[in-house]
Amino acid sequence: MRVLKGMVLGAVMALPAVAMAGGKPVNIRPDVATVTVETGAGAVEIGRVQDNDNHLTGDWAKTSRPCPLFCIQPISPAEGVATIGELEIMNMLQRDDAVVVDSRVAKWYYNGTIPGALHIPYTEISDRLDELGCEPDFDGWICDDAKPVALFCNGPWCGQSPTAIRAMIGAGYPADKIFYYRGGMQVWRMLGLTVIEPKDG
């Protein structure tokens, strides 16, 4: 399996996070408490919920979603696409040459997303590749200058980002520039990482 090499979290706060409710600090890594990323609304600090008793509730606590609509997704949705985790997502959010895409439909996106993610619904991705470095052509897209892009949706049971990834490859986007965050919002929330509600809707 291909992995991103040389990924180092930058612009971090290396001091331990302050624990709430008398618990122990909950860092991203032992040496990293928070990561700062730029968003359309300004800088946002990504950290983890400091309440040691915090747990998922509501939709995000569900474990058994009916298939075929909510089937478990494969580790990689297409040949040549690397699957990544939370640390790699945070790294890509800090890079000027990479894009993190929330490929969910608006209903899910406006309920909360990863700070700094660009919203391109999976139903629109093939028409918006110019936002990811491709140029329109008579026959479709020229993607010689395609940016590294990571896509996510609701979690390992969600088919929106895998569908978007396959559509991108079908339109000419190079598979080796695409990364799949399979954990999606369910795992992001399970780890207590910062979620924002977009204000542009």
C-alpha atoms as a PDB file:
ATOM      1  CA  MET A   1       0.000   0.000   0.000  1.00  0.00           C
ATOM      2  CA  ARG A   2       1.272   3.453  -0.944  1.00  0.00           C
ATOM      3  CA  VAL A   3       1.645   5.964   1.877  1.00  0.00           C
ATOM      4  CA  LEU A   4       2.351   9.687   1.995  1.00  0.00           C
ATOM      5  CA  LYS A   5       6.033  10.170   2.715  1.00  0.00           C
ATOM      6  CA  GLY A   6       7.600  12.945   4.730  1.00  0.00           C
ATOM      7  CA  MET A   7       4.394  14.024   6.417  1.00  0.00           C
ATOM      8  CA  VAL A   8       5.109  16.243   9.371  1.00  0.00           C
ATOM      9  CA  LEU A   9       2.457  18.170  11.223  1.00  0.00           C
ATOM     10  CA  GLY A  10       3.360  21.840  11.052  1.00  0.00           C
ATOM     11  CA  ALA A  11       1.995  24.911  12.796  1.00  0.00           C
ATOM     12  CA  VAL A  12       1.292  22.927  15.925  1.00  0.00           C
ATOM     13  CA  MET A  13       1.006  23.693  19.577  1.00  0.00           C
ATOM     14  CA  ALA A  14       3.408  21.286  21.274  1.00  0.00           C
ATOM     15  CA  LEU A  15       2.296  21.896  24.851  1.00  0.00           C
ATOM     16  CA  PRO A  16      -0.013  19.342  26.482  1.00  0.00           C
ATOM     17  CA  ALA A  17      -3.695  20.124  26.172  1.00  0.00           C
ATOM     18  CA  VAL A  18      -5.495  21.129  29.335  1.00  0.00           C
ATOM     19  CA  ALA A  19      -7.807  18.357  30.506  1.00  0.00           C
ATOM     20  CA  MET A  20     -11.335  19.141  31.608  1.00  0.00           C
ATOM     21  CA  ALA A  21     -13.468  17.422  34.227  1.00  0.00           C
ATOM     22  CA  GLY A  22     -10.410  16.328  36.203  1.00  0.00           C
ATOM     23  CA  GLY A  23      -9.240  13.975  33.430  1.00  0.00           C
ATOM     24  CA  LYS A  24      -5.940  13.585  31.650  1.00  0.00           C
ATOM     25  CA  PRO A  25      -4.966  15.647  28.576  1.00  0.00           C
ATOM     26  CA  VAL A  26      -6.144  14.323  25.208  1.00  0.00           C
ATOM     27  CA  ASN A  27      -3.567  15.236  22.554  1.00  0.00           C
ATOM     28  CA  ILE A  28      -3.434  14.460  18.861  1.00  0.00           C
ATOM     29  CA  ARG A  29      -0.003  12.863  19.412  1.00  0.00           C
ATOM     30  CA  PRO A  30       2.148  12.802  22.544  1.00  0.00           C
ATOM     31  CA  ASP A  31       3.994  15.909  21.320  1.00  0.00           C
ATOM     32  CA  VAL A  32       1.102  17.649  19.510  1.00  0.00           C
ATOM     33  CA  ALA A  33      -1.933  19.100  21.275  1.00  0.00           C
ATOM     34  CA  THR A  34      -3.493  21.039  18.391  1.00  0.00           C
ATOM     35  CA  VAL A  35      -3.019  21.833  14.704  1.00  0.00           C
ATOM     36  CA  THR A  36      -3.972  25.169  13.132  1.00  0.00           C
ATOM     37  CA  VAL A  37      -5.520  25.199   9.648  1.00  0.00           C
ATOM     38  CA  GLU A  38      -6.791  28.024   7.455  1.00  0.00           C
ATOM     39  CA  THR A  39     -10.450  28.077   6.474  1.00  0.00           C
ATOM     40  CA  GLY A  40     -12.606  30.515   4.535  1.00  0.00           C
ATOM     41  CA  ALA A  41     -13.611  32.016   7.882  1.00  0.00           C
ATOM     42  CA  GLY A  42     -10.035  32.319   9.182  1.00  0.00           C
ATOM     43  CA  ALA A  43      -7.699  30.109  11.198  1.00  0.00           C
ATOM     44  CA  VAL A  44      -9.205  27.196  13.129  1.00  0.00           C
ATOM     45  CA  GLU A  45      -7.422  25.145  15.749  1.00  0.00           C
ATOM     46  CA  ILE A  46      -8.051  21.408  15.445  1.00  0.00           C
ATOM     47  CA  GLY A  47      -7.816  19.575  18.735  1.00  0.00           C
ATOM     48  CA  ARG A  48      -9.577  16.793  20.577  1.00  0.00           C
ATOM     49  CA  VAL A  49     -12.414  17.039  23.093  1.00  0.00           C
ATOM     50  CA  GLN A  50     -10.752  17.212  26.513  1.00  0.00           C
ATOM     51  CA  ASP A  51     -13.563  15.567  28.475  1.00  0.00           C
ATOM     52  CA  ASN A  52     -12.317  12.022  29.224  1.00  0.00           C
ATOM     53  CA  ASP A  53     -15.942  10.904  29.590  1.00  0.00           C
ATOM     54  CA  ASN A  54     -17.033  12.196  26.169  1.00  0.00           C
ATOM     55  CA  HIS A  55     -18.743   9.723  23.831  1.00  0.00           C
ATOM     56  CA  LEU A  56     -20.635   9.715  20.527  1.00  0.00           C
ATOM     57  CA  THR A  57     -24.396  10.202  20.514  1.00  0.00           C
ATOM     58  CA  GLY A  58     -27.174  10.344  17.931  1.00  0.00           C
ATOM     59  CA  ASP A  59     -26.443   9.447  14.302  1.00  0.00           C
ATOM     60  CA  TRP A  60     -22.720   9.104  14.934  1.00  0.00           C
ATOM     61  CA  ALA A  61     -23.197   6.397  17.578  1.00  0.00           C
ATOM     62  CA  LYS A  62     -25.014   4.065  15.155  1.00  0.00           C
ATOM     63  CA  THR A  63     -23.239   0.790  14.407  1.00  0.00           C
ATOM     64  CA  SER A  64     -25.676  -1.078  12.147  1.00  0.00           C
ATOM     65  CA  ARG A  65     -26.752   0.752   9.018  1.00  0.00           C
ATOM     66  CA  PRO A  66     -28.724  -1.294   6.464  1.00  0.00           C
ATOM     67  CA  CYS A  67     -26.929  -2.510   3.350  1.00  0.00           C
ATOM     68  CA  PRO A  68     -27.052  -2.150   0.291  1.00  0.00           C
ATOM     69  CA  LEU A  69     -27.363   1.621   0.886  1.00  0.00           C
ATOM     70  CA  PHE A  70     -24.846   1.701   3.758  1.00  0.00           C
ATOM     71  CA  CYS A  71     -22.453  -1.184   3.070  1.00  0.00           C
ATOM     72  CA  ILE A  72     -18.896  -1.378   4.388  1.00  0.00           C
ATOM     73  CA  GLN A  73     -16.512   0.256   1.906  1.00  0.00           C
ATOM     74  CA  PRO A  74     -13.253  -1.339   0.735  1.00  0.00           C
ATOM     75  CA  ILE A  75      -9.926  -0.060   2.049  1.00  0.00           C
ATOM     76  CA  SER A  76      -9.198   1.481  -1.360  1.00  0.00           C
ATOM     77  CA  PRO A  77     -12.028   2.498  -3.704  1.00  0.00           C
ATOM     78  CA  ALA A  78      -9.891   2.264  -6.858  1.00  0.00           C
ATOM     79  CA  GLU A  79      -6.498   1.026  -8.011  1.00  0.00           C
ATOM     80  CA  GLY A  80      -3.692   3.498  -7.333  1.00  0.00           C
ATOM     81  CA  VAL A  81      -5.603   5.428  -4.645  1.00  0.00           C
ATOM     82  CA  ALA A  82      -3.958   5.494  -1.200  1.00  0.00           C
ATOM     83  CA  THR A  83      -6.010   5.306   1.983  1.00  0.00           C
ATOM     84  CA  ILE A  84      -4.952   7.708   4.733  1.00  0.00           C
ATOM     85  CA  GLY A  85      -5.839   8.590   8.319  1.00  0.00           C
ATOM     86  CA  GLU A  86      -6.382  11.631  10.497  1.00  0.00           C
ATOM     87  CA  LEU A  87      -2.737  12.753  10.807  1.00  0.00           C
ATOM     88  CA  GLU A  88      -2.379  12.784   7.019  1.00  0.00           C
ATOM     89  CA  ILE A  89      -5.635  14.748   6.659  1.00  0.00           C
ATOM     90  CA  MET A  90      -4.348  17.372   9.106  1.00  0.00           C
ATOM     91  CA  ASN A  91      -1.082  17.574   7.188  1.00  0.00           C
ATOM     92  CA  MET A  92      -2.886  18.064   3.873  1.00  0.00           C
ATOM     93  CA  LEU A  93      -5.063  20.783   5.416  1.00  0.00           C
ATOM     94  CA  GLN A  94      -1.885  22.711   6.233  1.00  0.00           C
ATOM     95  CA  ARG A  95      -0.397  22.455   2.737  1.00  0.00           C
ATOM     96  CA  ASP A  96      -0.912  25.114   0.061  1.00  0.00           C
ATOM     97  CA  ASP A  97      -0.575  22.577  -2.758  1.00  0.00           C
ATOM     98  CA  ALA A  98      -3.189  20.060  -1.519  1.00  0.00           C
ATOM     99  CA  VAL A  99      -6.968  20.017  -1.086  1.00  0.00           C
ATOM    100  CA  VAL A 100      -9.200  18.115   1.328  1.00  0.00           C
ATOM    101  CA  VAL A 101     -12.689  17.572  -0.120  1.00  0.00           C
ATOM    102  CA  ASP A 102     -15.869  16.851   1.813  1.00  0.00           C
ATOM    103  CA  SER A 103     -17.732  14.946  -0.911  1.00  0.00           C
ATOM    104  CA  ARG A 104     -21.015  14.587   0.984  1.00  0.00           C
ATOM    105  CA  VAL A 105     -24.322  16.066  -0.083  1.00  0.00           C
ATOM    106  CA  ALA A 106     -25.281  19.382   1.508  1.00  0.00           C
ATOM    107  CA  LYS A 107     -27.542  17.838   4.189  1.00  0.00           C
ATOM    108  CA  TRP A 108     -24.567  16.076   5.771  1.00  0.00           C
ATOM    109  CA  TYR A 109     -21.994  18.812   5.089  1.00  0.00           C
ATOM    110  CA  TYR A 110     -23.973  21.556   6.851  1.00  0.00           C
ATOM    111  CA  ASN A 111     -24.417  19.304   9.874  1.00  0.00           C
ATOM    112  CA  GLY A 112     -20.660  19.584  10.527  1.00  0.00           C
ATOM    113  CA  THR A 113     -17.405  19.142   8.620  1.00  0.00           C
ATOM    114  CA  ILE A 114     -13.640  19.045   9.052  1.00  0.00           C
ATOM    115  CA  PRO A 115     -12.209  22.590   9.314  1.00  0.00           C
ATOM    116  CA  GLY A 116     -10.594  23.702   6.053  1.00  0.00           C
ATOM    117  CA  ALA A 117     -12.332  21.112   3.855  1.00  0.00           C
ATOM    118  CA  LEU A 118     -13.692  22.221   0.484  1.00  0.00           C
ATOM    119  CA  HIS A 119     -17.274  21.112  -0.143  1.00  0.00           C
ATOM    120  CA  ILE A 120     -17.743  19.426  -3.532  1.00  0.00           C
ATOM    121  CA  PRO A 121     -20.656  16.970  -3.426  1.00  0.00           C
ATOM    122  CA  TYR A 122     -19.933  13.629  -5.082  1.00  0.00           C
ATOM    123  CA  THR A 123     -22.716  14.377  -7.569  1.00  0.00           C
ATOM    124  CA  GLU A 124     -20.826  17.480  -8.808  1.00  0.00           C
ATOM    125  CA  ILE A 125     -17.175  16.395  -8.660  1.00  0.00           C
ATOM    126  CA  SER A 126     -16.804  15.531 -12.369  1.00  0.00           C
ATOM    127  CA  ASP A 127     -17.947  19.068 -13.288  1.00  0.00           C
ATOM    128  CA  ARG A 128     -15.698  20.884 -10.783  1.00  0.00           C
ATOM    129  CA  LEU A 129     -12.236  19.418 -11.391  1.00  0.00           C
ATOM    130  CA  ASP A 130     -10.998  22.933 -12.219  1.00  0.00           C
ATOM    131  CA  GLU A 131     -11.082  23.602  -8.456  1.00  0.00           C
ATOM    132  CA  LEU A 132      -8.541  20.775  -8.054  1.00  0.00           C
ATOM    133  CA  GLY A 133      -6.021  21.892 -10.691  1.00  0.00           C
ATOM    134  CA  CYS A 134      -7.476  20.484 -13.925  1.00  0.00           C
ATOM    135  CA  GLU A 135      -8.285  22.514 -17.037  1.00  0.00           C
ATOM    136  CA  PRO A 136     -11.393  22.030 -19.166  1.00  0.00           C
ATOM    137  CA  ASP A 137     -10.850  20.620 -22.639  1.00  0.00           C
ATOM    138  CA  PHE A 138     -13.142  19.823 -25.567  1.00  0.00           C
ATOM    139  CA  ASP A 139     -12.994  16.142 -24.628  1.00  0.00           C
ATOM    140  CA  GLY A 140     -13.249  16.626 -20.864  1.00  0.00           C
ATOM    141  CA  TRP A 141     -10.343  17.579 -18.587  1.00  0.00           C
ATOM    142  CA  ILE A 142      -6.582  17.996 -18.774  1.00  0.00           C
ATOM    143  CA  CYS A 143      -5.210  17.125 -15.343  1.00  0.00           C
ATOM    144  CA  ASP A 144      -1.452  17.555 -15.850  1.00  0.00           C
ATOM    145  CA  ASP A 145      -1.336  19.994 -12.910  1.00  0.00           C
ATOM    146  CA  ALA A 146      -3.794  18.132 -10.670  1.00  0.00           C
ATOM    147  CA  LYS A 147      -3.314  18.794  -6.957  1.00  0.00           C
ATOM    148  CA  PRO A 148      -3.015  16.073  -4.350  1.00  0.00           C
ATOM    149  CA  VAL A 149      -6.574  15.708  -3.066  1.00  0.00           C
ATOM    150  CA  ALA A 150      -8.026  13.759  -0.133  1.00  0.00           C
ATOM    151  CA  LEU A 151     -11.724  12.909  -0.135  1.00  0.00           C
ATOM    152  CA  PHE A 152     -13.935  11.859   2.761  1.00  0.00           C
ATOM    153  CA  CYS A 153     -17.601  11.318   3.527  1.00  0.00           C
ATOM    154  CA  ASN A 154     -19.494   9.969   6.560  1.00  0.00           C
ATOM    155  CA  GLY A 155     -17.368   6.941   7.421  1.00  0.00           C
ATOM    156  CA  PRO A 156     -16.426   3.380   6.443  1.00  0.00           C
ATOM    157  CA  TRP A 157     -20.091   2.691   5.578  1.00  0.00           C
ATOM    158  CA  CYS A 158     -20.503   5.720   3.278  1.00  0.00           C
ATOM    159  CA  GLY A 159     -20.207   5.389  -0.501  1.00  0.00           C
ATOM    160  CA  GLN A 160     -20.169   9.087  -1.413  1.00  0.00           C
ATOM    161  CA  SER A 161     -16.389   9.630  -1.488  1.00  0.00           C
ATOM    162  CA  PRO A 162     -15.643   6.255  -3.172  1.00  0.00           C
ATOM    163  CA  THR A 163     -18.181   7.170  -5.865  1.00  0.00           C
ATOM    164  CA  ALA A 164     -16.570  10.620  -6.251  1.00  0.00           C
ATOM    165  CA  ILE A 165     -13.094   9.084  -6.517  1.00  0.00           C
ATOM    166  CA  ARG A 166     -14.139   6.676  -9.260  1.00  0.00           C
ATOM    167  CA  ALA A 167     -15.838   9.552 -11.136  1.00  0.00           C
ATOM    168  CA  MET A 168     -12.658  11.656 -10.894  1.00  0.00           C
ATOM    169  CA  ILE A 169     -10.509   8.861 -12.279  1.00  0.00           C
ATOM    170  CA  GLY A 170     -13.049   8.286 -15.056  1.00  0.00           C
ATOM    171  CA  ALA A 171     -12.785  11.993 -15.967  1.00  0.00           C
ATOM    172  CA  GLY A 172      -8.985  11.807 -16.195  1.00  0.00           C
ATOM    173  CA  TYR A 173      -7.790  12.722 -12.690  1.00  0.00           C
ATOM    174  CA  PRO A 174      -4.583  10.793 -11.882  1.00  0.00           C
ATOM    175  CA  ALA A 175      -5.269   8.102  -9.279  1.00  0.00           C
ATOM    176  CA  ASP A 176      -1.869   8.630  -7.646  1.00  0.00           C
ATOM    177  CA  LYS A 177      -2.914  12.195  -6.715  1.00  0.00           C
ATOM    178  CA  ILE A 178      -6.061  10.976  -4.917  1.00  0.00           C
ATOM    179  CA  PHE A 179      -6.174   9.965  -1.255  1.00  0.00           C
ATOM    180  CA  TYR A 180      -9.128   8.361   0.530  1.00  0.00           C
ATOM    181  CA  TYR A 181      -9.880   9.154   4.170  1.00  0.00           C
ATOM    182  CA  ARG A 182     -12.026   6.077   4.786  1.00  0.00           C
ATOM    183  CA  GLY A 183     -12.718   6.890   8.454  1.00  0.00           C
ATOM    184  CA  GLY A 184     -14.629  10.014   7.449  1.00  0.00           C
ATOM    185  CA  MET A 185     -16.747  12.019   9.845  1.00  0.00           C
ATOM    186  CA  GLN A 186     -17.695   9.091  12.066  1.00  0.00           C
ATOM    187  CA  VAL A 187     -14.084   8.268  12.968  1.00  0.00           C
ATOM    188  CA  TRP A 188     -13.116  11.977  13.068  1.00  0.00           C
ATOM    189  CA  ARG A 189     -15.892  12.533  15.614  1.00  0.00           C
ATOM    190  CA  MET A 190     -15.084   9.294  17.455  1.00  0.00           C
ATOM    191  CA  LEU A 191     -11.580  10.669  18.077  1.00  0.00           C
ATOM    192  CA  GLY A 192     -13.096  13.883  19.460  1.00  0.00           C
ATOM    193  CA  LEU A 193     -11.525  16.076  16.750  1.00  0.00           C
ATOM    194  CA  THR A 194     -12.790  19.574  16.010  1.00  0.00           C
ATOM    195  CA  VAL A 195     -15.894  19.854  13.801  1.00  0.00           C
ATOM    196  CA  ILE A 196     -17.270  23.116  12.417  1.00  0.00           C
ATOM    197  CA  GLU A 197     -20.723  23.933  11.061  1.00  0.00           C
ATOM    198  CA  PRO A 198     -20.263  25.814   7.753  1.00  0.00           C
ATOM    199  CA  LYS A 199     -21.908  29.244   7.601  1.00  0.00           C
ATOM    200  CA  ASP A 200     -22.105  29.564   3.798  1.00  0.00           C
ATOM    201  CA  GLY A 201     -25.365  27.618   3.439  1.00  0.00           C
END
